[in-house]
Amino acid sequence: MRYCYVKDDKILDGPILLPKTWNNISNFNLLDEQSLIAYGWLPHIFIETATEGQIIEGSTFEVFSDKVVETQISRDPTDEEIQQRIEFLHPVVS
């Protein structure tokens, strides 16, 4: 699982795997979830929204008291983008 380090409702680090040592605390990655949350390390939840053929444009982050939720932003391709894909996958050979 990945985590985000959050302070004052701002993500300062992550999403990353927990460090083994943090602020002189050894075995930091072995702490229970409530201890991690108390230190500001919140579990990262990723919500994938893109379906096949859609274009991923990025993501948004929401910080809650017990987790950080990242939601993928996706959209349907334009007609021009579809045509470019077709031409790329099936080039005209002369």
C-alpha atoms as a PDB file:
ATOM      1  CA  MET A   1       0.000   0.000   0.000  1.00  0.00           C
ATOM      2  CA  ARG A   2       1.126   3.538  -0.697  1.00  0.00           C
ATOM      3  CA  TYR A   3       0.828   6.455   1.699  1.00  0.00           C
ATOM      4  CA  CYS A   4       0.850  10.241   1.563  1.00  0.00           C
ATOM      5  CA  TYR A   5       2.456  12.442   4.175  1.00  0.00           C
ATOM      6  CA  VAL A   6      -0.063  15.185   4.952  1.00  0.00           C
ATOM      7  CA  LYS A   7       0.332  18.306   7.059  1.00  0.00           C
ATOM      8  CA  ASP A   8      -2.279  21.069   7.354  1.00  0.00           C
ATOM      9  CA  ASP A   9      -4.429  19.265   4.757  1.00  0.00           C
ATOM     10  CA  LYS A  10      -1.627  19.484   2.167  1.00  0.00           C
ATOM     11  CA  ILE A  11       0.162  16.502   0.675  1.00  0.00           C
ATOM     12  CA  LEU A  12       3.881  16.999   1.307  1.00  0.00           C
ATOM     13  CA  ASP A  13       5.061  13.594   0.098  1.00  0.00           C
ATOM     14  CA  GLY A  14       3.658  10.662  -1.778  1.00  0.00           C
ATOM     15  CA  PRO A  15       1.965   8.620  -2.741  1.00  0.00           C
ATOM     16  CA  ILE A  16       4.929   6.407  -1.865  1.00  0.00           C
ATOM     17  CA  LEU A  17       5.738   3.224   0.010  1.00  0.00           C
ATOM     18  CA  LEU A  18       6.378   3.940   3.683  1.00  0.00           C
ATOM     19  CA  PRO A  19       9.976   4.725   4.612  1.00  0.00           C
ATOM     20  CA  LYS A  20      11.710   2.231   6.898  1.00  0.00           C
ATOM     21  CA  THR A  21      12.989   5.109   9.024  1.00  0.00           C
ATOM     22  CA  TRP A  22      11.282   8.479   9.457  1.00  0.00           C
ATOM     23  CA  ASN A  23      12.068  11.316  11.905  1.00  0.00           C
ATOM     24  CA  ASN A  24      14.439   9.025  13.838  1.00  0.00           C
ATOM     25  CA  ILE A  25      11.774   6.307  14.159  1.00  0.00           C
ATOM     26  CA  SER A  26      13.160   2.931  13.094  1.00  0.00           C
ATOM     27  CA  ASN A  27      10.859   0.339  11.542  1.00  0.00           C
ATOM     28  CA  PHE A  28       8.424   3.146  10.734  1.00  0.00           C
ATOM     29  CA  ASN A  29       6.940   1.026   7.956  1.00  0.00           C
ATOM     30  CA  LEU A  30       5.843  -1.558  10.533  1.00  0.00           C
ATOM     31  CA  LEU A  31       3.677   0.798  12.601  1.00  0.00           C
ATOM     32  CA  ASP A  32      -0.065   0.171  12.774  1.00  0.00           C
ATOM     33  CA  GLU A  33      -2.406   2.323  10.689  1.00  0.00           C
ATOM     34  CA  GLN A  34      -3.640   4.484  13.590  1.00  0.00           C
ATOM     35  CA  SER A  35      -0.054   5.369  14.562  1.00  0.00           C
ATOM     36  CA  LEU A  36       0.774   6.237  10.959  1.00  0.00           C
ATOM     37  CA  ILE A  37      -2.300   8.464  10.719  1.00  0.00           C
ATOM     38  CA  ALA A  38      -1.299  10.185  13.980  1.00  0.00           C
ATOM     39  CA  TYR A  39       2.073  11.023  12.378  1.00  0.00           C
ATOM     40  CA  GLY A  40       0.317  12.358   9.259  1.00  0.00           C
ATOM     41  CA  TRP A  41       0.906   9.360   6.977  1.00  0.00           C
ATOM     42  CA  LEU A  42      -2.446   8.559   5.396  1.00  0.00           C
ATOM     43  CA  PRO A  43      -3.282   5.530   3.238  1.00  0.00           C
ATOM     44  CA  HIS A  44      -3.541   6.326  -0.478  1.00  0.00           C
ATOM     45  CA  ILE A  45      -6.626   5.072  -2.291  1.00  0.00           C
ATOM     46  CA  PHE A  46      -6.588   5.191  -6.107  1.00  0.00           C
ATOM     47  CA  ILE A  47      -9.847   5.235  -8.059  1.00  0.00           C
ATOM     48  CA  GLU A  48      -9.434   4.318 -11.707  1.00  0.00           C
ATOM     49  CA  THR A  49     -12.166   5.767 -13.912  1.00  0.00           C
ATOM     50  CA  ALA A  50     -10.848   5.252 -17.440  1.00  0.00           C
ATOM     51  CA  THR A  51     -12.395   2.594 -19.582  1.00  0.00           C
ATOM     52  CA  GLU A  52     -10.749   1.083 -22.647  1.00  0.00           C
ATOM     53  CA  GLY A  53     -10.142   3.665 -25.334  1.00  0.00           C
ATOM     54  CA  GLN A  54     -10.468   6.652 -23.030  1.00  0.00           C
ATOM     55  CA  ILE A  55      -7.719   9.228 -22.580  1.00  0.00           C
ATOM     56  CA  ILE A  56      -6.274   9.766 -19.093  1.00  0.00           C
ATOM     57  CA  GLU A  57      -5.727  13.438 -18.384  1.00  0.00           C
ATOM     58  CA  GLY A  58      -4.435  13.286 -14.828  1.00  0.00           C
ATOM     59  CA  SER A  59      -5.999  12.947 -11.419  1.00  0.00           C
ATOM     60  CA  THR A  60      -7.393  14.852  -8.458  1.00  0.00           C
ATOM     61  CA  PHE A  61      -6.524  14.349  -4.798  1.00  0.00           C
ATOM     62  CA  GLU A  62      -8.852  14.688  -1.819  1.00  0.00           C
ATOM     63  CA  VAL A  63      -7.435  14.670   1.705  1.00  0.00           C
ATOM     64  CA  PHE A  64      -9.618  13.169   4.433  1.00  0.00           C
ATOM     65  CA  SER A  65      -8.808  12.685   8.102  1.00  0.00           C
ATOM     66  CA  ASP A  66      -7.949   9.007   7.583  1.00  0.00           C
ATOM     67  CA  LYS A  67      -6.976   8.673   3.900  1.00  0.00           C
ATOM     68  CA  VAL A  68      -6.044  10.390   0.662  1.00  0.00           C
ATOM     69  CA  VAL A  69      -8.205   9.556  -2.347  1.00  0.00           C
ATOM     70  CA  GLU A  70      -6.781  10.018  -5.837  1.00  0.00           C
ATOM     71  CA  THR A  71      -9.378   9.917  -8.606  1.00  0.00           C
ATOM     72  CA  GLN A  72      -8.282   9.497 -12.189  1.00  0.00           C
ATOM     73  CA  ILE A  73      -9.576  12.036 -14.722  1.00  0.00           C
ATOM     74  CA  SER A  74     -10.449  10.543 -18.093  1.00  0.00           C
ATOM     75  CA  ARG A  75     -12.405  11.465 -21.171  1.00  0.00           C
ATOM     76  CA  ASP A  76     -13.551  10.046 -24.463  1.00  0.00           C
ATOM     77  CA  PRO A  77     -11.245  10.755 -27.403  1.00  0.00           C
ATOM     78  CA  THR A  78     -12.223  13.332 -29.989  1.00  0.00           C
ATOM     79  CA  ASP A  79     -12.971  12.256 -33.564  1.00  0.00           C
ATOM     80  CA  GLU A  80      -9.572  13.633 -34.562  1.00  0.00           C
ATOM     81  CA  GLU A  81      -7.799  11.572 -31.885  1.00  0.00           C
ATOM     82  CA  ILE A  82      -9.648   8.443 -32.995  1.00  0.00           C
ATOM     83  CA  GLN A  83      -8.586   9.070 -36.597  1.00  0.00           C
ATOM     84  CA  GLN A  84      -4.960   9.562 -35.508  1.00  0.00           C
ATOM     85  CA  ARG A  85      -5.067   6.229 -33.641  1.00  0.00           C
ATOM     86  CA  ILE A  86      -6.478   4.463 -36.683  1.00  0.00           C
ATOM     87  CA  GLU A  87      -3.771   5.951 -38.929  1.00  0.00           C
ATOM     88  CA  PHE A  88      -1.060   5.027 -36.445  1.00  0.00           C
ATOM     89  CA  LEU A  89      -2.256   1.417 -36.072  1.00  0.00           C
ATOM     90  CA  HIS A  90      -3.017   0.945 -39.766  1.00  0.00           C
ATOM     91  CA  PRO A  91      -0.633   3.093 -41.781  1.00  0.00           C
ATOM     92  CA  VAL A  92      -1.317   3.480 -45.461  1.00  0.00           C
ATOM     93  CA  VAL A  93       1.452   1.750 -47.395  1.00  0.00           C
ATOM     94  CA  SER A  94       2.105   3.032 -50.896  1.00  0.00           C
END
